[in-house]
């Protein structure tokens, strides 16, 4: 799975947003506000990957409980899928 081609993350006024560009902007209207972890996950999803690979990358950077990170990543990915931002 990965983020559909055409989404970019930009920082505006100290806040990060995922914005649709090009062809994908015709079907996706708006922006996604991202916190720092959301921006990290969004970045990791720019290339084809799995939830487990994203979790492992986060755990390599941060000291956290694996089950908590897995639940958070799965929830975030599920939300992205529900708004058609992820391609599988």
N, C-alpha and C. Protein backbone atom coordinates (compact mmCIF):
# COMPACT_ATOMS: atom_id res chain seq x y z
N UNK A 1 0.84 -1.18 0.00
CA UNK A 1 0.00 0.00 0.00
C UNK A 1 0.88 1.24 0.00
N UNK A 2 0.35 2.31 -0.54
CA UNK A 2 1.06 3.57 -0.51
C UNK A 2 0.10 4.72 -0.77
N UNK A 3 0.57 5.92 -0.49
CA UNK A 3 -0.21 7.12 -0.74
C UNK A 3 -0.35 7.28 -2.25
N UNK A 4 -1.53 7.67 -2.71
CA UNK A 4 -1.73 7.90 -4.13
C UNK A 4 -0.78 8.98 -4.64
N UNK A 5 -0.33 8.82 -5.85
CA UNK A 5 0.56 9.80 -6.46
C UNK A 5 -0.16 11.14 -6.56
N UNK A 6 0.53 12.20 -6.18
CA UNK A 6 -0.03 13.53 -6.29
C UNK A 6 -0.23 14.23 -4.95
N UNK A 7 -0.07 13.50 -3.85
CA UNK A 7 -0.18 14.12 -2.53
C UNK A 7 1.21 14.55 -2.06
N UNK A 8 1.29 15.76 -1.55
CA UNK A 8 2.54 16.28 -1.00
C UNK A 8 2.27 16.84 0.39
N UNK A 9 3.29 16.85 1.24
CA UNK A 9 3.17 17.43 2.57
C UNK A 9 3.89 18.77 2.55
N UNK A 10 3.20 19.79 3.02
CA UNK A 10 3.75 21.13 3.10
C UNK A 10 3.52 21.69 4.49
N UNK A 11 4.42 22.57 4.91
CA UNK A 11 4.27 23.23 6.20
C UNK A 11 3.82 24.66 5.96
N UNK A 12 2.74 25.04 6.63
CA UNK A 12 2.20 26.40 6.50
C UNK A 12 1.94 26.92 7.91
N UNK A 13 2.57 28.00 8.26
CA UNK A 13 2.35 28.59 9.57
C UNK A 13 2.69 27.66 10.71
N UNK A 14 3.70 26.80 10.53
CA UNK A 14 4.12 25.89 11.57
C UNK A 14 3.30 24.61 11.66
N UNK A 15 2.30 24.45 10.80
CA UNK A 15 1.48 23.24 10.78
C UNK A 15 1.70 22.51 9.47
N UNK A 16 1.62 21.17 9.51
CA UNK A 16 1.84 20.36 8.33
C UNK A 16 0.51 19.92 7.73
N UNK A 17 0.47 19.95 6.39
CA UNK A 17 -0.74 19.57 5.66
C UNK A 17 -0.37 18.68 4.49
N UNK A 18 -1.21 17.68 4.22
CA UNK A 18 -1.09 16.90 2.99
C UNK A 18 -2.06 17.54 2.00
N UNK A 19 -1.53 17.85 0.82
CA UNK A 19 -2.31 18.57 -0.19
C UNK A 19 -2.29 17.74 -1.48
N UNK A 20 -3.44 17.65 -2.12
CA UNK A 20 -3.54 16.96 -3.40
C UNK A 20 -3.10 17.89 -4.52
N UNK A 21 -2.31 17.35 -5.45
CA UNK A 21 -1.87 18.13 -6.60
C UNK A 21 -2.16 17.34 -7.87
N UNK A 22 -2.04 17.98 -9.00
CA UNK A 22 -2.20 17.30 -10.30
C UNK A 22 -3.55 16.65 -10.46
N UNK A 23 -3.55 15.48 -11.07
CA UNK A 23 -4.79 14.76 -11.38
C UNK A 23 -5.60 14.40 -10.14
N UNK A 24 -4.92 14.03 -9.07
CA UNK A 24 -5.64 13.62 -7.85
C UNK A 24 -6.40 14.80 -7.24
N UNK A 25 -5.98 16.02 -7.51
CA UNK A 25 -6.67 17.20 -6.98
C UNK A 25 -8.06 17.36 -7.59
N UNK A 26 -8.29 16.74 -8.74
CA UNK A 26 -9.61 16.82 -9.37
C UNK A 26 -10.65 16.02 -8.59
N UNK A 27 -10.21 14.96 -7.90
CA UNK A 27 -11.15 14.12 -7.17
C UNK A 27 -11.08 14.33 -5.65
N UNK A 28 -9.95 14.82 -5.15
CA UNK A 28 -9.80 15.04 -3.72
C UNK A 28 -9.74 16.53 -3.46
N UNK A 29 -10.73 17.03 -2.80
CA UNK A 29 -10.80 18.46 -2.50
C UNK A 29 -10.44 18.67 -1.04
N UNK A 30 -9.58 19.62 -0.79
CA UNK A 30 -9.22 19.93 0.58
C UNK A 30 -7.81 19.54 0.94
N UNK A 31 -7.53 19.64 2.25
CA UNK A 31 -6.22 19.33 2.78
C UNK A 31 -6.40 18.46 4.02
N UNK A 32 -5.34 17.73 4.35
CA UNK A 32 -5.34 16.93 5.57
C UNK A 32 -4.36 17.55 6.55
N UNK A 33 -4.83 17.95 7.71
CA UNK A 33 -3.94 18.45 8.75
C UNK A 33 -3.21 17.28 9.39
N UNK A 34 -1.90 17.41 9.55
CA UNK A 34 -1.08 16.33 10.10
C UNK A 34 -0.28 16.81 11.30
N UNK A 35 -0.26 16.00 12.35
CA UNK A 35 0.68 16.29 13.44
C UNK A 35 2.03 15.70 13.03
N UNK A 36 3.03 15.81 13.87
CA UNK A 36 4.37 15.34 13.49
C UNK A 36 4.38 13.85 13.18
N UNK A 37 3.70 13.05 13.98
CA UNK A 37 3.68 11.61 13.73
C UNK A 37 2.90 11.29 12.45
N UNK A 38 1.80 11.98 12.24
CA UNK A 38 1.03 11.79 11.01
C UNK A 38 1.86 12.12 9.78
N UNK A 39 2.65 13.19 9.87
CA UNK A 39 3.52 13.57 8.75
C UNK A 39 4.59 12.51 8.52
N UNK A 40 5.13 11.94 9.60
CA UNK A 40 6.12 10.88 9.47
C UNK A 40 5.52 9.66 8.78
N UNK A 41 4.35 9.24 9.25
CA UNK A 41 3.68 8.08 8.65
C UNK A 41 3.34 8.37 7.19
N UNK A 42 2.82 9.54 6.91
CA UNK A 42 2.48 9.92 5.55
C UNK A 42 3.72 9.83 4.65
N UNK A 43 4.85 10.28 5.17
CA UNK A 43 6.10 10.20 4.42
C UNK A 43 6.52 8.77 4.17
N UNK A 44 6.38 7.91 5.17
CA UNK A 44 6.75 6.50 5.02
C UNK A 44 5.85 5.80 4.01
N UNK A 45 4.63 6.29 3.86
CA UNK A 45 3.68 5.70 2.93
C UNK A 45 3.84 6.22 1.50
N UNK A 46 4.84 7.04 1.25
CA UNK A 46 5.07 7.54 -0.11
C UNK A 46 5.57 6.43 -1.03
N UNK A 47 6.17 5.39 -0.46
CA UNK A 47 6.60 4.23 -1.24
C UNK A 47 5.80 3.03 -0.78
N UNK A 48 5.67 2.05 -1.63
CA UNK A 48 4.89 0.85 -1.32
C UNK A 48 5.47 0.18 -0.07
N UNK A 49 4.63 -0.05 0.92
CA UNK A 49 5.09 -0.58 2.21
C UNK A 49 3.95 -1.32 2.89
N UNK A 50 4.20 -1.76 4.10
CA UNK A 50 3.19 -2.44 4.91
C UNK A 50 3.05 -1.71 6.24
N UNK A 51 1.99 -2.01 6.95
CA UNK A 51 1.79 -1.43 8.28
C UNK A 51 2.96 -1.83 9.18
N UNK A 52 3.36 -3.10 9.11
CA UNK A 52 4.46 -3.56 9.97
C UNK A 52 5.76 -2.82 9.68
N UNK A 53 6.05 -2.55 8.41
CA UNK A 53 7.27 -1.82 8.06
C UNK A 53 7.21 -0.39 8.60
N UNK A 54 6.04 0.23 8.55
CA UNK A 54 5.87 1.58 9.09
C UNK A 54 6.08 1.55 10.61
N UNK A 55 5.47 0.57 11.27
CA UNK A 55 5.63 0.42 12.72
C UNK A 55 7.09 0.23 13.07
N UNK A 56 7.78 -0.63 12.35
CA UNK A 56 9.20 -0.88 12.62
C UNK A 56 10.03 0.39 12.45
N UNK A 57 9.73 1.17 11.42
CA UNK A 57 10.46 2.43 11.20
C UNK A 57 10.25 3.40 12.35
N UNK A 58 9.03 3.49 12.83
CA UNK A 58 8.73 4.38 13.95
C UNK A 58 9.46 3.91 15.20
N UNK A 59 9.44 2.60 15.45
CA UNK A 59 10.10 2.07 16.65
C UNK A 59 11.61 2.21 16.57
N UNK A 60 12.16 2.29 15.37
CA UNK A 60 13.60 2.54 15.22
C UNK A 60 13.96 3.98 15.59
N UNK A 61 12.99 4.89 15.47
CA UNK A 61 13.22 6.31 15.76
C UNK A 61 12.81 6.71 17.17
N UNK A 62 11.76 6.07 17.69
CA UNK A 62 11.18 6.48 18.96
C UNK A 62 11.06 5.29 19.90
N UNK A 63 11.20 5.55 21.18
CA UNK A 63 10.98 4.53 22.19
C UNK A 63 9.49 4.54 22.52
N UNK A 64 8.81 3.48 22.16
CA UNK A 64 7.36 3.40 22.37
C UNK A 64 6.95 1.94 22.46
N UNK A 65 5.75 1.73 22.95
CA UNK A 65 5.17 0.40 23.06
C UNK A 65 4.69 -0.07 21.68
N UNK A 66 5.14 -1.25 21.23
CA UNK A 66 4.80 -1.77 19.90
C UNK A 66 3.28 -1.84 19.69
N UNK A 67 2.55 -2.35 20.67
CA UNK A 67 1.10 -2.50 20.50
C UNK A 67 0.41 -1.16 20.31
N UNK A 68 0.87 -0.16 21.02
CA UNK A 68 0.29 1.18 20.89
C UNK A 68 0.59 1.75 19.51
N UNK A 69 1.83 1.62 19.06
CA UNK A 69 2.22 2.13 17.73
C UNK A 69 1.44 1.39 16.65
N UNK A 70 1.33 0.07 16.76
CA UNK A 70 0.58 -0.71 15.77
C UNK A 70 -0.87 -0.23 15.69
N UNK A 71 -1.50 -0.04 16.84
CA UNK A 71 -2.90 0.40 16.86
C UNK A 71 -3.03 1.79 16.24
N UNK A 72 -2.11 2.69 16.57
CA UNK A 72 -2.18 4.05 16.04
C UNK A 72 -1.95 4.08 14.53
N UNK A 73 -0.98 3.31 14.05
CA UNK A 73 -0.69 3.27 12.61
C UNK A 73 -1.88 2.66 11.86
N UNK A 74 -2.41 1.56 12.38
CA UNK A 74 -3.56 0.93 11.73
C UNK A 74 -4.76 1.86 11.67
N UNK A 75 -4.99 2.62 12.73
CA UNK A 75 -6.10 3.56 12.75
C UNK A 75 -5.88 4.67 11.72
N UNK A 76 -4.66 5.21 11.65
CA UNK A 76 -4.35 6.28 10.70
C UNK A 76 -4.49 5.78 9.26
N UNK A 77 -3.96 4.60 8.99
CA UNK A 77 -4.05 4.03 7.64
C UNK A 77 -5.52 3.78 7.28
N UNK A 78 -6.29 3.30 8.23
CA UNK A 78 -7.71 3.06 8.00
C UNK A 78 -8.43 4.37 7.64
N UNK A 79 -8.08 5.44 8.34
CA UNK A 79 -8.68 6.74 8.04
C UNK A 79 -8.29 7.21 6.64
N UNK A 80 -7.03 7.01 6.27
CA UNK A 80 -6.58 7.40 4.93
C UNK A 80 -7.29 6.59 3.85
N UNK A 81 -7.50 5.29 4.12
CA UNK A 81 -8.22 4.45 3.17
C UNK A 81 -9.65 4.93 3.03
N UNK A 82 -10.28 5.32 4.13
CA UNK A 82 -11.69 5.72 4.10
C UNK A 82 -11.93 6.98 3.27
N UNK A 83 -10.88 7.79 3.10
CA UNK A 83 -11.03 9.00 2.27
C UNK A 83 -10.31 8.84 0.93
N UNK A 84 -9.95 7.60 0.61
CA UNK A 84 -9.39 7.24 -0.70
C UNK A 84 -8.06 7.92 -1.00
N UNK A 85 -7.18 7.94 -0.01
CA UNK A 85 -5.84 8.53 -0.18
C UNK A 85 -4.80 7.42 -0.40
N UNK A 86 -5.14 6.20 -0.02
CA UNK A 86 -4.21 5.06 -0.13
C UNK A 86 -4.57 4.21 -1.34
N UNK A 87 -3.55 3.78 -2.05
CA UNK A 87 -3.78 2.76 -3.08
C UNK A 87 -3.11 1.47 -2.60
N UNK A 88 -3.75 0.36 -2.94
CA UNK A 88 -3.20 -0.92 -2.47
C UNK A 88 -2.64 -1.72 -3.61
